[in-house]
Amino acid sequence: MARHHQVAADIRRLIRARKLRPGDPLPSERELAVALRVAYSTVRLANDELCRDGIIHRAHGRGTFLAPRQRAPRRLRHRLGLFYVDPRNSATAYSQRLTSGIQRAANLAGFELLIGEFSSTDLVQGRTPEMLRRRSVDAVLLDGAIREHHLRFLEDQGVLYVVTGTCPLPLDVPQFRLDGERLGFEITRELLKNGRSPVWLDVDLSRTERYHMGLELFRGYSSAIQRYGDGRHALHLCSLHADQIAGAAARLAQVGLKNAAIISQDWGATLLPAALELKSSTPRDLLIVPLPTAFTRQEFVEANAVQWSQFLEAEEIGRRAVCALVDVLEGRSPSLRTVSIETRCALVPIPPTARMELKCEWKPVDAFAMERHGHGGYWRRLEKEEGGRDALSEVKDRRNEKVLATRADS
């Protein structure tokens, strides 16, 4: 349970213990923070929750008071759940921004959002997350290290869900995600076409929190090297994690920085210019290409770092996922579309900096219909798309075309 939920429960008990009547004042938030031995901000969040439930109300300049009894708790139309699946550390910047977008979209739609953790260990030990056990939510959104056994558990429980994380999952899973392979291919291609060599990729597949996105970036990167490298370019990999930045700088300087570029997905890359100053006399020869995420906007100010025309916002992914789920729950849409963010990049070298033009397309991939089951439901993948074309048949046709072409060549 989040800390402010526990504090809200403590305040409810305090109200009952003091037998306060409607209109009676409550202790100030700072007094409550001292009495309950918690941070002032935690008490404020707890009071925000009690205000939403109609237990208390604030009067500007006067204080906080017990609400009149006729003010019943506000009943929202639906509740959505957001699960962080197998979190191994504190929330990443992506997850924080994703949560912000989901929260904002849920509030605008009049939905309450409950947030919790979904642990594989709990599943193995037979423990069901509380919001599922109590049937507190109508549907859930998933972020984190999602695996098929998590999804099968939700389907067995009859819970509607949509995935917003970066884990590559089978085609029978409804999800809103970035196509990392396409992004890695586009960036690498533009660098090679503009004479950058060698092109390095910041990737460390041993770091589990970025394993799937790193793997997709690597696939796109290696495909572009094979296609546009003319056989003269090799794969150059190194990790720019903060605790490895000194070794990475030494390695880059040893191979050579002239016309070189590195694609970075770790915030530790912001330390790279300073580390290169100690290893090379020409540190600005290396072009740093951070991924177009929000942290690059704040951290990279060096002239040799690519500036993006726009950024891939996790808030927008969360907002679209919630809107799609709400449309299904309220009957405005009979199906949910899986959406992939396809990117196109174009490098524009404008001294003294380089600019990367980015275009994003939200491309529907598959459609799913909702089937009722018990207290909830599950997603059933539609056999045919709106155009009447069977998605699986298209895959088979392309495979058959390759077989026929191979036979014709032989």
Protein backbone atom coordinates (compact mmCIF):
# COMPACT_ATOMS: atom_id res chain seq x y z
CA MET A 1 0.00 0.00 0.00
CA ALA A 2 1.30 3.48 -0.88
CA ARG A 3 2.35 5.53 2.16
CA HIS A 4 -0.23 8.30 1.66
CA HIS A 5 -3.07 5.70 1.53
CA GLN A 6 -1.97 4.46 4.95
CA VAL A 7 -1.81 8.04 6.28
CA ALA A 8 -5.33 8.69 4.92
CA ALA A 9 -6.56 5.66 6.89
CA ASP A 10 -4.81 7.02 10.01
CA ILE A 11 -6.59 10.37 9.58
CA ARG A 12 -9.93 8.60 9.27
CA ARG A 13 -9.24 6.81 12.57
CA LEU A 14 -8.25 10.13 14.14
CA ILE A 15 -11.58 11.64 13.07
CA ARG A 16 -13.48 8.73 14.63
CA ALA A 17 -11.37 8.79 17.83
CA ARG A 18 -11.99 12.51 18.42
CA LYS A 19 -15.68 12.14 17.49
CA LEU A 20 -15.49 15.17 15.24
CA ARG A 21 -18.71 16.54 13.80
CA PRO A 22 -19.30 18.00 10.33
CA GLY A 23 -17.71 21.43 10.17
CA ASP A 24 -15.21 20.78 12.97
CA PRO A 25 -11.61 21.76 12.12
CA LEU A 26 -8.86 19.21 11.65
CA PRO A 27 -5.25 19.68 12.78
CA SER A 28 -3.08 21.42 10.21
CA GLU A 29 -1.11 19.32 7.74
CA ARG A 30 2.16 20.19 9.49
CA GLU A 31 0.72 19.16 12.88
CA LEU A 32 -0.47 15.87 11.36
CA ALA A 33 2.96 15.30 9.81
CA VAL A 34 4.60 15.66 13.25
CA ALA A 35 1.98 13.53 15.01
CA LEU A 36 2.10 10.72 12.43
CA ARG A 37 5.88 11.01 11.89
CA VAL A 38 5.63 11.32 8.11
CA ALA A 39 6.63 13.91 5.54
CA TYR A 40 4.47 17.00 5.06
CA SER A 41 4.01 16.10 1.36
CA THR A 42 2.65 12.66 2.34
CA VAL A 43 -0.01 14.26 4.55
CA ARG A 44 -0.97 16.60 1.71
CA LEU A 45 -1.45 13.64 -0.64
CA ALA A 46 -3.54 11.87 2.01
CA ASN A 47 -5.74 14.95 2.47
CA ASP A 48 -6.12 15.22 -1.32
CA GLU A 49 -7.50 11.66 -1.31
CA LEU A 50 -9.90 12.44 1.58
CA CYS A 51 -11.11 15.56 -0.25
CA ARG A 52 -11.83 13.51 -3.37
CA ASP A 53 -13.78 11.01 -1.26
CA GLY A 54 -15.83 13.82 0.33
CA ILE A 55 -14.59 13.15 3.88
CA ILE A 56 -13.01 16.56 4.39
CA HIS A 57 -12.95 19.89 2.59
CA ARG A 58 -10.48 22.76 2.50
CA ALA A 59 -11.37 26.41 3.01
CA HIS A 60 -8.74 28.72 1.56
CA GLY A 61 -7.08 30.76 4.31
CA ARG A 62 -9.10 29.05 7.05
CA GLY A 63 -8.01 25.42 7.22
CA THR A 64 -9.33 21.90 6.74
CA PHE A 65 -12.72 20.79 8.08
CA LEU A 66 -14.79 17.64 8.33
CA ALA A 67 -17.23 17.69 5.42
CA PRO A 68 -21.02 17.82 5.92
CA ARG A 69 -22.57 14.39 6.04
CA GLN A 70 -24.76 15.01 3.02
CA ARG A 71 -21.61 15.12 0.91
CA ALA A 72 -21.38 11.48 -0.09
CA PRO A 73 -18.13 10.14 -1.53
CA ARG A 74 -17.87 10.91 -5.22
CA ARG A 75 -18.69 7.82 -7.23
CA LEU A 76 -16.75 7.51 -10.45
CA ARG A 77 -18.03 5.59 -13.41
CA HIS A 78 -15.16 3.11 -13.64
CA ARG A 79 -11.88 2.29 -12.03
CA LEU A 80 -8.71 1.52 -13.93
CA GLY A 81 -5.66 -0.19 -12.50
CA LEU A 82 -2.02 0.47 -13.39
CA PHE A 83 0.37 -2.38 -12.57
CA TYR A 84 4.16 -2.12 -12.48
CA VAL A 85 5.19 -5.67 -13.34
CA ASP A 86 8.19 -7.09 -11.45
CA PRO A 87 9.77 -3.70 -10.60
CA ARG A 88 13.45 -4.23 -9.76
CA ASN A 89 14.30 -0.69 -8.74
CA SER A 90 12.78 2.75 -8.49
CA ALA A 91 10.56 3.86 -11.35
CA THR A 92 12.41 4.93 -14.48
CA ALA A 93 11.88 8.32 -16.09
CA TYR A 94 9.83 6.58 -18.78
CA SER A 95 7.55 4.94 -16.20
CA GLN A 96 7.11 8.19 -14.28
CA ARG A 97 6.05 10.06 -17.39
CA LEU A 98 3.86 7.18 -18.54
CA THR A 99 2.07 7.22 -15.17
CA SER A 100 1.56 10.97 -15.46
CA GLY A 101 -0.09 10.60 -18.87
CA ILE A 102 -2.30 7.71 -17.69
CA GLN A 103 -3.34 9.60 -14.55
CA ARG A 104 -4.22 12.76 -16.50
CA ALA A 105 -6.23 10.87 -19.14
CA ALA A 106 -8.10 8.83 -16.49
CA ASN A 107 -9.05 11.98 -14.56
CA LEU A 108 -10.30 13.73 -17.71
CA ALA A 109 -12.45 10.69 -18.52
CA GLY A 110 -13.87 10.61 -14.98
CA PHE A 111 -12.13 7.35 -14.10
CA GLU A 112 -10.34 6.60 -10.86
CA LEU A 113 -6.83 5.14 -11.20
CA LEU A 114 -5.43 2.62 -8.72
CA ILE A 115 -1.69 1.88 -8.85
CA GLY A 116 -0.01 -1.29 -7.62
CA GLU A 117 2.70 -3.87 -8.24
CA PHE A 118 2.34 -7.20 -10.02
CA SER A 119 5.00 -9.67 -8.88
CA SER A 120 5.89 -13.03 -10.40
CA THR A 121 6.92 -14.19 -6.93
CA ASP A 122 3.40 -13.50 -5.63
CA LEU A 123 1.91 -15.48 -8.50
CA VAL A 124 4.16 -18.46 -7.79
CA GLN A 125 3.17 -18.35 -4.11
CA GLY A 126 -0.52 -18.14 -5.00
CA ARG A 127 -1.04 -14.53 -3.90
CA THR A 128 -3.38 -12.42 -6.02
CA PRO A 129 -2.88 -8.62 -6.14
CA GLU A 130 -5.40 -6.95 -3.86
CA MET A 131 -7.13 -4.85 -6.51
CA LEU A 132 -7.79 -8.02 -8.55
CA ARG A 133 -8.82 -10.11 -5.56
CA ARG A 134 -11.36 -7.48 -4.52
CA ARG A 135 -12.53 -6.87 -8.10
CA SER A 136 -11.76 -3.18 -7.56
CA VAL A 137 -10.99 -2.36 -11.20
CA ASP A 138 -12.73 -2.80 -14.54
CA ALA A 139 -9.51 -3.03 -16.57
CA VAL A 140 -5.75 -2.67 -16.05
CA LEU A 141 -2.77 -1.17 -17.82
CA LEU A 142 0.61 -2.89 -17.57
CA ASP A 143 4.13 -1.46 -17.55
CA GLY A 144 7.44 -3.14 -16.77
CA ALA A 145 8.97 -6.61 -17.27
CA ILE A 146 5.82 -8.20 -18.67
CA ARG A 147 5.83 -11.90 -19.54
CA GLU A 148 3.23 -14.21 -20.99
CA HIS A 149 2.47 -15.82 -17.61
CA HIS A 150 1.33 -12.42 -16.28
CA LEU A 151 -1.08 -12.06 -19.19
CA ARG A 152 -2.41 -15.60 -18.89
CA PHE A 153 -3.09 -14.98 -15.19
CA LEU A 154 -5.12 -11.86 -16.03
CA GLU A 155 -7.09 -13.78 -18.65
CA ASP A 156 -7.82 -16.57 -16.17
CA GLN A 157 -9.09 -13.90 -13.77
CA GLY A 158 -11.29 -12.43 -16.50
CA VAL A 159 -9.54 -9.03 -16.39
CA LEU A 160 -9.33 -6.74 -19.41
CA TYR A 161 -5.85 -5.33 -19.95
CA VAL A 162 -3.63 -3.39 -22.31
CA VAL A 163 0.18 -3.30 -22.30
CA THR A 164 2.02 0.03 -22.40
CA GLY A 165 5.56 -1.21 -21.68
CA THR A 166 8.43 -1.79 -24.11
CA CYS A 167 8.58 -5.60 -23.86
CA PRO A 168 8.09 -7.30 -27.24
CA LEU A 169 5.08 -9.59 -26.89
CA PRO A 170 3.19 -11.96 -29.22
CA LEU A 171 0.73 -10.61 -31.76
CA ASP A 172 -2.22 -11.81 -29.68
CA VAL A 173 -1.51 -9.20 -26.97
CA PRO A 174 -3.14 -5.72 -27.16
CA GLN A 175 -0.46 -3.11 -26.61
CA PHE A 176 0.67 0.46 -27.23
CA ARG A 177 4.42 0.52 -27.79
CA LEU A 178 7.37 2.10 -29.56
CA ASP A 179 8.96 0.14 -32.40
CA GLY A 180 12.53 0.28 -31.06
CA GLU A 181 13.93 -1.75 -33.95
CA ARG A 182 12.63 0.76 -36.49
CA LEU A 183 14.02 3.67 -34.45
CA GLY A 184 17.49 2.07 -34.19
CA PHE A 185 17.51 1.37 -37.95
CA GLU A 186 16.45 4.92 -38.88
CA ILE A 187 19.05 6.66 -36.70
CA THR A 188 21.91 4.39 -37.80
CA ARG A 189 21.01 4.73 -41.48
CA GLU A 190 21.02 8.54 -41.30
CA LEU A 191 24.41 8.59 -39.58
CA LEU A 192 25.99 6.25 -42.16
CA LYS A 193 24.48 8.16 -45.10
CA ASN A 194 26.01 11.37 -43.73
CA GLY A 195 29.50 9.88 -43.59
CA ARG A 196 29.67 9.03 -39.90
CA SER A 197 31.93 6.04 -39.19
CA PRO A 198 32.29 4.18 -36.95
CA VAL A 199 28.78 4.32 -35.50
CA TRP A 200 28.67 3.07 -31.91
CA LEU A 201 25.62 1.81 -30.03
CA ASP A 202 25.19 2.27 -26.30
CA VAL A 203 23.74 -1.06 -25.22
CA ASP A 204 24.16 -3.36 -22.23
CA LEU A 205 21.85 -6.36 -22.41
CA SER A 206 22.93 -7.47 -18.93
CA ARG A 207 20.90 -4.59 -17.48
CA THR A 208 17.49 -6.19 -17.19
CA GLU A 209 15.50 -2.97 -16.90
CA ARG A 210 16.50 -2.02 -20.46
CA TYR A 211 16.97 -5.47 -21.96
CA HIS A 212 14.06 -5.50 -24.40
CA MET A 213 14.46 -1.96 -25.71
CA GLY A 214 18.21 -2.48 -26.00
CA LEU A 215 17.67 -5.69 -27.94
CA GLU A 216 15.29 -4.01 -30.37
CA LEU A 217 17.65 -1.07 -30.87
CA PHE A 218 20.49 -3.51 -31.52
CA ARG A 219 18.49 -5.38 -34.16
CA GLY A 220 17.69 -2.17 -36.01
CA TYR A 221 21.27 -0.92 -35.63
CA SER A 222 22.82 -4.15 -36.96
CA SER A 223 20.36 -4.27 -39.88
CA ALA A 224 21.32 -0.74 -40.92
CA ILE A 225 25.04 -1.55 -40.61
CA GLN A 226 24.61 -4.59 -42.87
CA ARG A 227 22.52 -2.71 -45.42
CA TYR A 228 24.28 0.65 -45.63
CA GLY A 229 27.76 -0.18 -44.37
CA ASP A 230 28.94 -1.64 -47.73
CA GLY A 231 30.86 -4.29 -45.84
CA ARG A 232 33.30 -1.70 -44.48
CA HIS A 233 31.59 -1.13 -41.16
CA ALA A 234 31.63 -3.43 -38.15
CA LEU A 235 29.39 -3.48 -35.10
CA HIS A 236 30.72 -1.19 -32.35
CA LEU A 237 29.09 -1.67 -28.96
CA CYS A 238 29.79 -0.12 -25.58
CA SER A 239 27.84 0.77 -22.45
CA LEU A 240 27.54 4.39 -21.30
CA HIS A 241 26.15 3.55 -17.89
CA ALA A 242 27.46 5.97 -15.27
CA ASP A 243 29.69 3.40 -13.54
CA GLN A 244 31.32 2.44 -16.86
CA ILE A 245 31.74 5.86 -18.43
CA ALA A 246 35.51 6.13 -17.89
CA GLY A 247 36.19 2.81 -19.65
CA ALA A 248 33.81 3.73 -22.46
CA ALA A 249 35.58 7.06 -23.03
CA ALA A 250 38.97 5.34 -23.17
CA ARG A 251 37.70 2.80 -25.68
CA LEU A 252 36.12 5.42 -27.92
CA ALA A 253 39.29 7.52 -27.90
CA GLN A 254 41.44 4.49 -28.71
CA VAL A 255 39.39 3.58 -31.81
CA GLY A 256 39.21 7.22 -32.91
CA LEU A 257 36.68 10.02 -32.64
CA LYS A 258 36.99 11.66 -36.06
CA ASN A 259 33.64 11.34 -37.92
CA ALA A 260 32.48 8.86 -35.26
CA ALA A 261 29.03 8.86 -33.67
CA ILE A 262 27.39 7.06 -30.78
CA ILE A 263 23.70 6.33 -30.23
CA SER A 264 22.89 6.56 -26.52
CA GLN A 265 19.91 5.37 -24.48
CA ASP A 266 21.36 5.92 -20.99
CA TRP A 267 21.44 9.18 -19.02
CA GLY A 268 25.08 8.38 -18.22
CA ALA A 269 25.90 9.66 -21.71
CA THR A 270 25.61 13.17 -20.29
CA LEU A 271 28.92 12.44 -18.48
CA LEU A 272 30.65 11.37 -21.69
CA PRO A 273 31.85 14.83 -22.91
CA ALA A 274 33.65 15.47 -19.60
CA ALA A 275 35.17 11.96 -19.62
CA LEU A 276 36.42 12.40 -23.20
CA GLU A 277 38.16 15.65 -22.23
CA LEU A 278 40.54 13.49 -20.16
CA LYS A 279 41.11 10.90 -22.90
CA SER A 280 41.32 12.86 -26.16
CA SER A 281 42.48 16.22 -27.46
CA THR A 282 39.51 16.39 -29.86
CA PRO A 283 36.51 15.23 -27.79
CA ARG A 284 33.99 17.18 -29.87
CA ASP A 285 34.75 15.15 -32.99
CA LEU A 286 32.38 12.50 -31.63
CA LEU A 287 28.70 13.11 -32.46
CA ILE A 288 26.44 12.03 -29.57
CA VAL A 289 22.94 10.94 -30.61
CA PRO A 290 20.67 10.49 -27.56
CA LEU A 291 17.34 8.80 -28.10
CA PRO A 292 14.49 11.29 -28.56
CA THR A 293 13.15 10.99 -25.02
CA ALA A 294 12.34 13.73 -22.55
CA PHE A 295 15.56 13.61 -20.51
CA THR A 296 17.65 14.64 -23.54
CA ARG A 297 15.80 17.93 -23.67
CA GLN A 298 17.08 18.83 -20.20
CA GLU A 299 20.52 17.27 -20.03
CA PHE A 300 22.29 17.51 -23.42
CA VAL A 301 23.48 21.02 -24.19
CA GLU A 302 26.82 20.21 -25.86
CA ALA A 303 27.38 21.38 -29.43
CA ASN A 304 28.33 17.86 -30.52
CA ALA A 305 24.99 16.37 -29.35
CA VAL A 306 22.16 15.97 -31.86
CA GLN A 307 19.12 18.16 -31.22
CA TRP A 308 15.75 16.55 -32.01
CA SER A 309 12.87 18.30 -33.74
CA GLN A 310 10.43 16.55 -31.37
CA PHE A 311 10.42 13.89 -28.68
CA LEU A 312 8.71 10.56 -28.09
CA GLU A 313 6.54 11.32 -25.09
CA ALA A 314 5.58 8.49 -22.75
CA GLU A 315 2.65 10.65 -21.59
CA GLU A 316 1.12 10.43 -25.05
CA ILE A 317 1.43 6.63 -25.08
CA GLY A 318 -0.34 6.46 -21.72
CA ARG A 319 -3.05 8.90 -22.80
CA ARG A 320 -3.85 7.00 -26.00
CA ALA A 321 -3.92 3.65 -24.19
CA VAL A 322 -6.38 4.97 -21.59
CA CYS A 323 -8.62 6.61 -24.21
CA ALA A 324 -8.77 3.37 -26.23
CA LEU A 325 -9.61 1.34 -23.12
CA VAL A 326 -12.26 3.85 -21.98
CA ASP A 327 -13.93 3.78 -25.41
CA VAL A 328 -14.33 0.01 -25.12
CA LEU A 329 -15.57 0.08 -21.51
CA GLU A 330 -18.18 2.73 -22.33
CA GLY A 331 -19.33 1.01 -25.51
CA ARG A 332 -18.16 3.67 -27.95
CA SER A 333 -15.86 1.18 -29.68
CA PRO A 334 -16.45 -2.57 -30.18
CA SER A 335 -12.73 -3.37 -30.39
CA LEU A 336 -9.28 -2.29 -29.24
CA ARG A 337 -6.52 -1.63 -31.74
CA THR A 338 -2.93 -2.52 -30.99
CA VAL A 339 -0.81 0.50 -31.95
CA SER A 340 2.89 0.70 -32.82
CA ILE A 341 4.76 4.02 -33.02
CA GLU A 342 6.66 3.99 -36.32
CA THR A 343 9.41 6.59 -36.72
CA ARG A 344 11.18 8.30 -39.62
CA CYS A 345 14.44 10.21 -39.10
CA ALA A 346 16.42 12.68 -41.21
CA LEU A 347 19.79 14.11 -40.10
CA VAL A 348 20.28 17.79 -40.93
CA PRO A 349 23.90 18.88 -40.23
CA ILE A 350 23.66 22.60 -39.46
CA PRO A 351 26.91 23.89 -37.87
CA PRO A 352 27.73 24.19 -35.05
CA THR A 353 25.11 21.57 -34.07
CA ALA A 354 23.35 18.74 -35.87
CA ARG A 355 19.58 18.39 -35.95
CA MET A 356 17.55 15.22 -36.38
CA GLU A 357 14.10 15.60 -37.87
CA LEU A 358 11.69 13.08 -36.37
CA LYS A 359 8.28 12.07 -37.69
CA CYS A 360 6.06 9.65 -35.77
CA GLU A 361 3.12 7.64 -37.06
CA TRP A 362 0.71 5.81 -34.77
CA LYS A 363 0.16 2.69 -36.83
CA PRO A 364 -2.68 0.25 -35.94
CA VAL A 365 -1.36 -3.32 -36.12
CA ASP A 366 -4.08 -5.70 -34.89
CA ALA A 367 -7.64 -5.50 -33.59
CA PHE A 368 -9.14 -7.23 -30.56
CA ALA A 369 -12.75 -7.72 -29.50
CA MET A 370 -13.89 -7.93 -25.88
CA GLU A 371 -15.41 -11.21 -24.72
CA ARG A 372 -17.27 -11.30 -21.41
CA HIS A 373 -16.11 -13.91 -18.93
CA GLY A 374 -17.21 -14.12 -15.30
CA HIS A 375 -16.86 -10.74 -13.60
CA GLY A 376 -14.67 -9.30 -16.33
CA GLY A 377 -13.54 -10.27 -19.79
CA TYR A 378 -10.64 -10.96 -22.05
CA TRP A 379 -9.43 -9.90 -25.48
CA ARG A 380 -10.03 -12.04 -28.55
CA ARG A 381 -7.92 -11.22 -31.57
CA LEU A 382 -10.05 -10.53 -34.62
CA GLU A 383 -9.33 -12.80 -37.56
CA LYS A 384 -9.87 -10.09 -40.15
CA GLU A 385 -8.97 -6.45 -40.29
CA GLU A 386 -11.45 -3.75 -41.28
CA GLY A 387 -10.39 -4.05 -44.91
CA GLY A 388 -11.44 -7.70 -44.87
CA ARG A 389 -7.85 -8.92 -44.99
CA ASP A 390 -6.70 -11.72 -42.71
CA ALA A 391 -3.51 -10.54 -40.98
CA LEU A 392 -2.18 -14.07 -40.57
CA SER A 393 -2.86 -14.80 -44.24
CA GLU A 394 -0.76 -11.78 -45.23
CA VAL A 395 2.19 -13.20 -43.29
CA LYS A 396 1.72 -16.58 -44.98
CA ASP A 397 1.47 -14.94 -48.42
CA ARG A 398 4.74 -13.07 -47.92
CA ARG A 399 6.40 -16.29 -46.76
CA ASN A 400 5.09 -18.16 -49.84
CA GLU A 401 6.33 -15.38 -52.13
CA LYS A 402 9.84 -15.79 -50.71
CA VAL A 403 9.67 -19.56 -51.21
CA LEU A 404 8.55 -19.18 -54.84
CA ALA A 405 11.26 -16.59 -55.52
CA THR A 406 13.90 -18.92 -54.08
CA ARG A 407 12.69 -21.79 -56.24
CA ALA A 408 12.69 -19.59 -59.35
CA ASP A 409 16.29 -18.54 -58.70
CA SER A 410 17.38 -22.16 -58.29
